[in-house]
PDB file of N, CA and C in Angstrom:
ATOM      1  N   UNK A   1      36.756 -13.329   7.001  1.00  0.00           N
ATOM      2  CA  UNK A   1      36.149 -12.027   7.326  1.00  0.00           C
ATOM      3  C   UNK A   1      35.396 -11.479   6.113  1.00  0.00           C
ATOM      4  N   UNK A   2      36.026 -11.582   4.956  1.00  0.00           N
ATOM      5  CA  UNK A   2      35.398 -11.059   3.737  1.00  0.00           C
ATOM      6  C   UNK A   2      34.097 -11.796   3.441  1.00  0.00           C
ATOM      7  N   UNK A   3      34.161 -13.124   3.597  1.00  0.00           N
ATOM      8  CA  UNK A   3      32.980 -13.939   3.297  1.00  0.00           C
ATOM      9  C   UNK A   3      31.834 -13.574   4.244  1.00  0.00           C
ATOM     10  N   UNK A   4      32.177 -13.392   5.508  1.00  0.00           N
ATOM     11  CA  UNK A   4      31.145 -13.072   6.491  1.00  0.00           C
ATOM     12  C   UNK A   4      30.520 -11.711   6.176  1.00  0.00           C
ATOM     13  N   UNK A   5      31.381 -10.772   5.810  1.00  0.00           N
ATOM     14  CA  UNK A   5      30.888  -9.438   5.473  1.00  0.00           C
ATOM     15  C   UNK A   5      29.995  -9.487   4.254  1.00  0.00           C
ATOM     16  N   UNK A   6      30.395 -10.318   3.285  1.00  0.00           N
ATOM     17  CA  UNK A   6      29.604 -10.456   2.065  1.00  0.00           C
ATOM     18  C   UNK A   6      28.228 -11.023   2.399  1.00  0.00           C
ATOM     19  N   UNK A   7      28.236 -12.009   3.288  1.00  0.00           N
ATOM     20  CA  UNK A   7      26.979 -12.621   3.717  1.00  0.00           C
ATOM     21  C   UNK A   7      26.086 -11.558   4.348  1.00  0.00           C
ATOM     22  N   UNK A   8      26.681 -10.726   5.193  1.00  0.00           N
ATOM     23  CA  UNK A   8      25.935  -9.658   5.866  1.00  0.00           C
ATOM     24  C   UNK A   8      25.350  -8.690   4.837  1.00  0.00           C
ATOM     25  N   UNK A   9      26.170  -8.294   3.866  1.00  0.00           N
ATOM     26  CA  UNK A   9      25.701  -7.380   2.821  1.00  0.00           C
ATOM     27  C   UNK A   9      24.512  -7.971   2.079  1.00  0.00           C
ATOM     28  N   UNK A  10      24.593  -9.252   1.771  1.00  0.00           N
ATOM     29  CA  UNK A  10      23.509  -9.910   1.048  1.00  0.00           C
ATOM     30  C   UNK A  10      22.221  -9.890   1.863  1.00  0.00           C
ATOM     31  N   UNK A  11      22.331 -10.174   3.148  1.00  0.00           N
ATOM     32  CA  UNK A  11      21.130 -10.201   3.985  1.00  0.00           C
ATOM     33  C   UNK A  11      20.530  -8.801   4.087  1.00  0.00           C
ATOM     34  N   UNK A  12      21.387  -7.791   4.159  1.00  0.00           N
ATOM     35  CA  UNK A  12      20.901  -6.412   4.220  1.00  0.00           C
ATOM     36  C   UNK A  12      20.181  -6.061   2.928  1.00  0.00           C
ATOM     37  N   UNK A  13      20.765  -6.459   1.808  1.00  0.00           N
ATOM     38  CA  UNK A  13      20.139  -6.192   0.511  1.00  0.00           C
ATOM     39  C   UNK A  13      18.776  -6.864   0.428  1.00  0.00           C
ATOM     40  N   UNK A  14      18.719  -8.103   0.899  1.00  0.00           N
ATOM     41  CA  UNK A  14      17.449  -8.837   0.889  1.00  0.00           C
ATOM     42  C   UNK A  14      16.404  -8.093   1.694  1.00  0.00           C
ATOM     43  N   UNK A  15      16.825  -7.632   2.871  1.00  0.00           N
ATOM     44  CA  UNK A  15      15.890  -6.929   3.744  1.00  0.00           C
ATOM     45  C   UNK A  15      15.416  -5.631   3.106  1.00  0.00           C
ATOM     46  N   UNK A  16      16.337  -4.910   2.484  1.00  0.00           N
ATOM     47  CA  UNK A  16      15.975  -3.658   1.819  1.00  0.00           C
ATOM     48  C   UNK A  16      14.996  -3.920   0.688  1.00  0.00           C
ATOM     49  N   UNK A  17      15.249  -4.978  -0.070  1.00  0.00           N
ATOM     50  CA  UNK A  17      14.368  -5.319  -1.180  1.00  0.00           C
ATOM     51  C   UNK A  17      12.972  -5.636  -0.653  1.00  0.00           C
ATOM     52  N   UNK A  18      12.928  -6.405   0.420  1.00  0.00           N
ATOM     53  CA  UNK A  18      11.650  -6.760   1.033  1.00  0.00           C
ATOM     54  C   UNK A  18      10.916  -5.503   1.491  1.00  0.00           C
ATOM     55  N   UNK A  19      11.661  -4.588   2.121  1.00  0.00           N
ATOM     56  CA  UNK A  19      11.065  -3.347   2.613  1.00  0.00           C
ATOM     57  C   UNK A  19      10.491  -2.520   1.481  1.00  0.00           C
ATOM     58  N   UNK A  20      11.245  -2.392   0.399  1.00  0.00           N
ATOM     59  CA  UNK A  20      10.764  -1.575  -0.717  1.00  0.00           C
ATOM     60  C   UNK A  20       9.521  -2.198  -1.341  1.00  0.00           C
ATOM     61  N   UNK A  21       9.503  -3.535  -1.438  1.00  0.00           N
ATOM     62  CA  UNK A  21       8.316  -4.230  -1.950  1.00  0.00           C
ATOM     63  C   UNK A  21       7.126  -3.955  -1.039  1.00  0.00           C
ATOM     64  N   UNK A  22       7.368  -4.048   0.268  1.00  0.00           N
ATOM     65  CA  UNK A  22       6.318  -3.835   1.258  1.00  0.00           C
ATOM     66  C   UNK A  22       5.738  -2.428   1.133  1.00  0.00           C
ATOM     67  N   UNK A  23       6.637  -1.439   1.009  1.00  0.00           N
ATOM     68  CA  UNK A  23       6.203  -0.049   0.871  1.00  0.00           C
ATOM     69  C   UNK A  23       5.387   0.123  -0.401  1.00  0.00           C
ATOM     70  N   UNK A  24       5.847  -0.531  -1.485  1.00  0.00           N
ATOM     71  CA  UNK A  24       5.158  -0.411  -2.769  1.00  0.00           C
ATOM     72  C   UNK A  24       3.732  -0.959  -2.658  1.00  0.00           C
ATOM     73  N   UNK A  25       3.606  -2.125  -2.019  1.00  0.00           N
ATOM     74  CA  UNK A  25       2.290  -2.748  -1.858  1.00  0.00           C
ATOM     75  C   UNK A  25       1.397  -1.869  -0.981  1.00  0.00           C
ATOM     76  N   UNK A  26       1.965  -1.335   0.096  1.00  0.00           N
ATOM     77  CA  UNK A  26       1.191  -0.474   0.997  1.00  0.00           C
ATOM     78  C   UNK A  26       0.674   0.754   0.270  1.00  0.00           C
ATOM     79  N   UNK A  27       1.540   1.396  -0.514  1.00  0.00           N
ATOM     80  CA  UNK A  27       1.107   2.603  -1.216  1.00  0.00           C
ATOM     81  C   UNK A  27       0.059   2.257  -2.263  1.00  0.00           C
ATOM     82  N   UNK A  28       0.204   1.067  -2.872  1.00  0.00           N
ATOM     83  CA  UNK A  28      -0.780   0.617  -3.857  1.00  0.00           C
ATOM     84  C   UNK A  28      -2.154   0.474  -3.198  1.00  0.00           C
ATOM     85  N   UNK A  29      -2.170  -0.183  -2.034  1.00  0.00           N
ATOM     86  CA  UNK A  29      -3.437  -0.372  -1.324  1.00  0.00           C
ATOM     87  C   UNK A  29      -4.009   0.963  -0.860  1.00  0.00           C
ATOM     88  N   UNK A  30      -3.130   1.856  -0.395  1.00  0.00           N
ATOM     89  CA  UNK A  30      -3.584   3.171   0.061  1.00  0.00           C
ATOM     90  C   UNK A  30      -4.245   3.926  -1.088  1.00  0.00           C
ATOM     91  N   UNK A  31      -3.631   3.854  -2.268  1.00  0.00           N
ATOM     92  CA  UNK A  31      -4.195   4.522  -3.440  1.00  0.00           C
ATOM     93  C   UNK A  31      -5.557   3.937  -3.778  1.00  0.00           C
ATOM     94  N   UNK A  32      -5.642   2.611  -3.776  1.00  0.00           N
ATOM     95  CA  UNK A  32      -6.918   1.946  -4.058  1.00  0.00           C
ATOM     96  C   UNK A  32      -7.975   2.396  -3.062  1.00  0.00           C
ATOM     97  N   UNK A  33      -7.613   2.434  -1.789  1.00  0.00           N
ATOM     98  CA  UNK A  33      -8.563   2.818  -0.752  1.00  0.00           C
ATOM     99  C   UNK A  33      -9.049   4.243  -0.971  1.00  0.00           C
ATOM    100  N   UNK A  34      -8.108   5.143  -1.317  1.00  0.00           N
ATOM    101  CA  UNK A  34      -8.487   6.536  -1.564  1.00  0.00           C
ATOM    102  C   UNK A  34      -9.472   6.625  -2.717  1.00  0.00           C
ATOM    103  N   UNK A  35      -9.168   5.920  -3.799  1.00  0.00           N
ATOM    104  CA  UNK A  35     -10.042   5.949  -4.978  1.00  0.00           C
ATOM    105  C   UNK A  35     -11.433   5.429  -4.623  1.00  0.00           C
ATOM    106  N   UNK A  36     -11.475   4.302  -3.916  1.00  0.00           N
ATOM    107  CA  UNK A  36     -12.760   3.691  -3.559  1.00  0.00           C
ATOM    108  C   UNK A  36     -13.568   4.609  -2.646  1.00  0.00           C
ATOM    109  N   UNK A  37     -12.921   5.144  -1.611  1.00  0.00           N
ATOM    110  CA  UNK A  37     -13.654   5.999  -0.671  1.00  0.00           C
ATOM    111  C   UNK A  37     -14.131   7.270  -1.364  1.00  0.00           C
ATOM    112  N   UNK A  38     -13.317   7.791  -2.267  1.00  0.00           N
ATOM    113  CA  UNK A  38     -13.712   8.985  -3.030  1.00  0.00           C
ATOM    114  C   UNK A  38     -14.922   8.657  -3.906  1.00  0.00           C
ATOM    115  N   UNK A  39     -14.873   7.500  -4.540  1.00  0.00           N
ATOM    116  CA  UNK A  39     -15.985   7.087  -5.388  1.00  0.00           C
ATOM    117  C   UNK A  39     -17.270   6.930  -4.594  1.00  0.00           C
ATOM    118  N   UNK A  40     -17.164   6.336  -3.407  1.00  0.00           N
ATOM    119  CA  UNK A  40     -18.340   6.171  -2.548  1.00  0.00           C
ATOM    120  C   UNK A  40     -18.888   7.530  -2.137  1.00  0.00           C
ATOM    121  N   UNK A  41     -17.981   8.445  -1.832  1.00  0.00           N
ATOM    122  CA  UNK A  41     -18.375   9.795  -1.448  1.00  0.00           C
ATOM    123  C   UNK A  41     -19.176  10.444  -2.572  1.00  0.00           C
ATOM    124  N   UNK A  42     -18.642  10.355  -3.777  1.00  0.00           N
ATOM    125  CA  UNK A  42     -19.317  10.946  -4.933  1.00  0.00           C
ATOM    126  C   UNK A  42     -20.682  10.303  -5.139  1.00  0.00           C
ATOM    127  N   UNK A  43     -20.753   8.988  -4.979  1.00  0.00           N
ATOM    128  CA  UNK A  43     -22.011   8.273  -5.168  1.00  0.00           C
ATOM    129  C   UNK A  43     -23.051   8.736  -4.152  1.00  0.00           C
ATOM    130  N   UNK A  44     -22.620   8.907  -2.901  1.00  0.00           N
ATOM    131  CA  UNK A  44     -23.577   9.318  -1.872  1.00  0.00           C
ATOM    132  C   UNK A  44     -24.062  10.737  -2.143  1.00  0.00           C
ATOM    133  N   UNK A  45     -23.193  11.581  -2.674  1.00  0.00           N
ATOM    134  CA  UNK A  45     -23.580  12.962  -2.972  1.00  0.00           C
ATOM    135  C   UNK A  45     -24.595  12.991  -4.106  1.00  0.00           C
ATOM    136  N   UNK A  46     -24.433  12.066  -5.067  1.00  0.00           N
ATOM    137  CA  UNK A  46     -25.310  12.068  -6.242  1.00  0.00           C
ATOM    138  C   UNK A  46     -26.721  11.572  -5.941  1.00  0.00           C
ATOM    139  N   UNK A  47     -26.997  11.194  -4.692  1.00  0.00           N
ATOM    140  CA  UNK A  47     -28.345  10.765  -4.347  1.00  0.00           C
ATOM    141  C   UNK A  47     -28.576   9.295  -4.617  1.00  0.00           C
ATOM    142  N   UNK A  48     -27.691   8.453  -4.120  1.00  0.00           N
ATOM    143  CA  UNK A  48     -27.850   7.007  -4.258  1.00  0.00           C
ATOM    144  C   UNK A  48     -28.715   6.501  -3.099  1.00  0.00           C
ATOM    145  N   UNK A  49     -29.044   5.219  -3.063  1.00  0.00           N
ATOM    146  CA  UNK A  49     -29.848   4.666  -1.957  1.00  0.00           C
ATOM    147  C   UNK A  49     -29.298   4.999  -0.578  1.00  0.00           C
ATOM    148  N   UNK A  50     -27.983   5.250  -0.485  1.00  0.00           N
ATOM    149  CA  UNK A  50     -27.393   5.541   0.827  1.00  0.00           C
ATOM    150  C   UNK A  50     -28.052   6.756   1.455  1.00  0.00           C
ATOM    151  N   UNK A  51     -28.366   7.758   0.638  1.00  0.00           N
ATOM    152  CA  UNK A  51     -28.952   8.985   1.195  1.00  0.00           C
ATOM    153  C   UNK A  51     -30.365   8.714   1.693  1.00  0.00           C
ATOM    154  N   UNK A  52     -31.062   7.780   1.106  1.00  0.00           N
ATOM    155  CA  UNK A  52     -32.414   7.442   1.552  1.00  0.00           C
ATOM    156  C   UNK A  52     -32.359   6.719   2.891  1.00  0.00           C
ATOM    157  N   UNK A  53     -31.301   5.881   3.057  1.00  0.00           N
ATOM    158  CA  UNK A  53     -31.178   5.119   4.304  1.00  0.00           C
ATOM    159  C   UNK A  53     -30.899   6.073   5.459  1.00  0.00           C
ATOM    160  N   UNK A  54     -30.004   7.024   5.248  1.00  0.00           N
ATOM    161  CA  UNK A  54     -29.596   7.926   6.336  1.00  0.00           C
ATOM    162  C   UNK A  54     -30.665   8.969   6.635  1.00  0.00           C
TER     163      UNK A  54
END
């Protein structure tokens, strides 16, 4: 019983670790996306070729 429970605990820990890694990567990408979109916004406001196209 103890061994089985230990096995279960280990699998739960693995899953939690995976989840936290996943969340970390997602937030990293979200931050990158925000920075990039903000930069594009600023560029379009400053009168880049995009404003000529539109």
